[in-house]
Protein backbone atom coordinates (compact mmCIF):
# COMPACT_ATOMS: atom_id res chain seq x y z
CA MET A 1 53.49 51.36 60.78
CA GLY A 2 56.62 50.12 62.55
CA LEU A 3 58.15 46.69 62.05
CA ASN A 4 56.74 45.13 65.21
CA GLU A 5 53.31 46.70 64.86
CA TRP A 6 53.11 45.27 61.32
CA ALA A 7 54.47 41.87 62.45
CA TYR A 8 51.96 41.48 65.28
CA SER A 9 49.08 42.59 63.07
CA THR A 10 50.09 40.24 60.25
CA SER A 11 50.57 37.27 62.56
CA GLU A 12 47.30 37.91 64.38
CA SER A 13 45.37 38.15 61.10
CA LEU A 14 46.75 34.78 59.98
CA LEU A 15 46.72 32.81 63.24
CA ALA A 16 44.37 34.21 65.90
CA GLU A 17 41.07 32.97 64.51
CA PRO A 18 41.95 29.75 62.66
CA LEU A 19 44.72 28.62 65.05
CA PRO A 20 44.31 30.30 68.47
CA ARG A 21 46.77 27.95 70.19
CA ARG A 22 49.43 28.66 67.54
CA TRP A 23 48.74 32.39 68.05
CA ALA A 24 49.21 32.00 71.83
CA HIS A 25 52.50 30.18 71.18
CA SER A 26 53.66 32.94 68.82
CA LEU A 27 52.87 35.61 71.43
CA GLY A 28 54.86 33.63 74.01
CA VAL A 29 57.83 33.32 71.65
CA ALA A 30 57.70 37.09 71.01
CA LYS A 31 57.58 37.75 74.76
CA CYS A 32 60.69 35.63 75.18
CA ALA A 33 62.37 37.55 72.34
CA ARG A 34 61.67 40.83 74.16
CA SER A 35 63.37 39.39 77.24
CA LEU A 36 66.58 38.94 75.23
CA SER A 37 66.89 42.60 74.22
CA ALA A 38 69.97 43.11 76.43
CA ILE A 39 71.99 40.65 74.33
CA LEU A 40 70.53 41.63 70.96
CA GLY A 41 71.25 45.33 70.78
CA ASP A 42 70.05 46.80 67.49
CA ASP A 43 68.60 43.44 66.43
CA ALA A 44 66.06 43.25 69.28
CA GLU A 45 63.15 44.57 67.21
CA LEU A 46 64.07 42.33 64.29
CA LEU A 47 64.07 39.22 66.49
CA GLU A 48 60.74 40.11 68.10
CA ALA A 49 59.17 40.56 64.66
CA ALA A 50 60.51 37.21 63.47
CA ALA A 51 59.37 35.57 66.73
CA VAL A 52 55.75 36.63 66.40
CA LEU A 53 55.77 35.67 62.69
CA HIS A 54 57.74 32.41 62.88
CA ASP A 55 54.71 30.09 62.67
CA ILE A 56 52.47 31.95 60.21
CA GLY A 57 53.15 29.24 57.63
CA TYR A 58 50.68 27.03 59.55
CA SER A 59 47.85 29.39 58.59
CA PRO A 60 45.40 27.59 56.29
CA SER A 61 45.18 30.72 54.14
CA ILE A 62 48.88 30.57 53.14
CA ALA A 63 49.96 26.95 53.70
CA THR A 64 50.88 25.46 50.33
CA THR A 65 53.74 22.98 50.83
CA GLY A 66 52.83 21.80 54.31
CA PHE A 67 56.25 22.91 55.57
CA HIS A 68 55.49 25.99 57.64
CA PRO A 69 58.94 27.68 57.63
CA LEU A 70 58.98 27.67 53.82
CA ASP A 71 55.32 28.67 53.45
CA GLY A 72 55.65 31.48 55.97
CA ALA A 73 58.87 32.84 54.48
CA ARG A 74 57.50 32.75 50.94
CA PHE A 75 54.37 34.60 52.03
CA LEU A 76 56.41 37.25 53.83
CA ARG A 77 58.71 37.71 50.85
CA ASP A 78 56.21 37.45 48.01
CA GLN A 79 53.02 38.92 49.47
CA GLU A 80 54.27 41.27 52.16
CA GLY A 81 57.65 42.42 50.82
CA ALA A 82 58.98 41.91 54.36
CA ASP A 83 62.47 42.71 55.57
CA GLU A 84 64.72 39.99 54.16
CA ARG A 85 66.33 39.35 57.55
CA VAL A 86 62.92 38.66 59.12
CA VAL A 87 62.08 36.41 56.16
CA SER A 88 65.35 34.54 56.59
CA LEU A 89 64.77 33.99 60.31
CA VAL A 90 61.26 32.66 59.65
CA ALA A 91 62.55 30.38 56.88
CA HIS A 92 65.30 28.90 59.02
CA HIS A 93 63.78 28.96 62.51
CA SER A 94 64.42 26.11 64.91
CA CYS A 95 66.62 23.87 62.78
CA ALA A 96 64.29 24.07 59.77
CA LEU A 97 67.03 22.77 57.46
CA LEU A 98 66.99 19.43 59.29
CA GLU A 99 63.22 19.14 58.96
CA ALA A 100 63.44 20.18 55.30
CA GLU A 101 65.97 17.38 54.85
CA GLU A 102 63.49 14.88 56.36
CA ARG A 103 60.92 16.16 53.86
CA GLY A 104 63.30 15.98 50.90
CA ILE A 105 63.24 19.76 50.31
CA ARG A 106 66.43 20.95 52.01
CA HIS A 107 67.91 22.23 48.75
CA GLU A 108 64.75 24.20 48.05
CA LEU A 109 64.89 25.96 51.43
CA GLU A 110 68.67 26.49 51.29
CA SER A 111 68.69 27.89 47.79
CA GLU A 112 65.76 30.26 48.35
CA PHE A 113 66.64 31.74 51.73
CA GLU A 114 70.02 32.61 53.21
CA LEU A 115 70.80 31.87 56.83
CA GLU A 116 70.80 34.85 59.17
CA ARG A 117 73.76 35.33 61.51
CA PRO A 118 74.16 32.54 64.09
CA GLY A 119 73.47 34.63 67.21
CA LEU A 120 70.01 35.56 65.95
CA VAL A 121 69.27 32.03 64.74
CA ASP A 122 70.19 30.78 68.23
CA ALA A 123 68.03 33.43 69.89
CA LEU A 124 64.92 32.58 67.86
CA LEU A 125 65.48 28.85 68.39
CA PHE A 126 65.84 29.50 72.14
CA CYS A 127 62.59 31.46 72.23
CA ASP A 128 60.67 28.84 70.25
CA MET A 129 62.04 25.92 72.25
CA THR A 130 61.40 27.51 75.66
CA THR A 131 57.74 28.29 74.88
CA THR A 132 54.92 25.76 75.14
CA PRO A 133 52.18 25.46 72.50
CA ASP A 134 50.01 27.60 74.83
CA GLY A 135 52.63 30.35 75.22
CA ALA A 136 53.99 29.47 78.67
CA HIS A 137 57.66 29.08 79.58
CA THR A 138 59.25 25.63 79.45
CA THR A 139 62.68 24.04 79.13
CA PRO A 140 64.15 22.90 75.81
CA ALA A 141 64.12 19.25 76.98
CA GLU A 142 60.44 19.46 77.97
CA ARG A 143 59.59 21.14 74.66
CA VAL A 144 61.40 18.49 72.61
CA GLY A 145 59.63 15.78 74.60
CA GLU A 146 56.26 17.46 74.10
CA ILE A 147 56.81 17.67 70.32
CA VAL A 148 57.81 14.00 70.10
CA GLU A 149 54.75 13.02 72.13
CA ARG A 150 52.37 15.24 70.13
CA TYR A 151 53.55 14.13 66.69
CA GLY A 152 54.88 10.65 67.47
CA PRO A 153 58.52 9.51 67.38
CA ASP A 154 58.31 7.94 63.91
CA THR A 155 56.69 10.86 62.08
CA ILE A 156 58.63 13.40 60.00
CA VAL A 157 58.40 15.96 62.80
CA GLY A 158 59.19 13.40 65.49
CA ARG A 159 62.30 12.16 63.67
CA PHE A 160 63.43 15.68 62.86
CA ILE A 161 63.08 17.03 66.41
CA GLN A 162 64.98 14.07 67.84
CA ARG A 163 67.80 14.68 65.34
CA ALA A 164 67.72 18.41 66.11
CA ALA A 165 67.71 18.00 69.90
CA PRO A 166 71.52 18.26 70.36
CA GLU A 167 71.58 21.52 68.37
CA ILE A 168 68.53 22.84 70.22
CA TYR A 169 70.23 22.20 73.57
CA ALA A 170 73.52 23.69 72.35
CA ALA A 171 71.81 26.84 71.03
CA ALA A 172 69.87 27.26 74.28
CA ASP A 173 73.12 26.91 76.22
CA ARG A 174 74.80 29.55 74.03
CA VAL A 175 71.94 32.00 74.61
CA GLU A 176 71.87 31.32 78.35
CA ARG A 177 75.64 31.90 78.54
CA ARG A 178 75.25 35.22 76.68
CA LEU A 179 72.48 36.26 79.09
CA ALA A 180 74.57 35.26 82.11
CA ALA A 181 77.57 37.21 80.79
CA GLU A 182 75.40 40.28 80.19
CA THR A 183 73.92 40.01 83.67
CA ALA A 184 77.40 39.65 85.20
CA VAL A 185 78.57 42.79 83.42
CA GLY A 186 75.75 44.77 84.99
CA GLN A 187 76.39 43.48 88.53
CA PRO A 188 78.42 45.52 91.03
CA MET A 189 81.68 43.95 92.15
């Protein structure tokens, strides 16, 4: 079984039945990841696998800490023996260190899982923050607003996402610039 076939199967088994909306979001994030293949080169498959797996830590069958990046990464590492780069992307997706800090577990996340290279971290953040909870396309600003509204501005998630917003917008801008540069290269003069 190839990396992506395994990733989709694993994510579906953990999310589709208990959390169908989270599953739809994960499929949308993976679709976005596929659309970035031109700027990812050899890492395109890796990013798509991480994209479809990024929220598995919400699954009731594996959630232990209540912090989904950590729960998902630990499951992938300990139960699945997954590729360490996929595990790292899941652990650190979408500014997870800032949320871990809000939860008082930043050191735990940092010490257990290394950060993947910045271009891939940006790409996964871009995919997550341009996909609605139902899997449709959105803008980073709309997504941040939706998260604040859903969780409330004074909750852990609400505070974290507001703190993370400048980095989310900067990462999205970096990815969009890379896409524009790649498109320009392919255009006739």
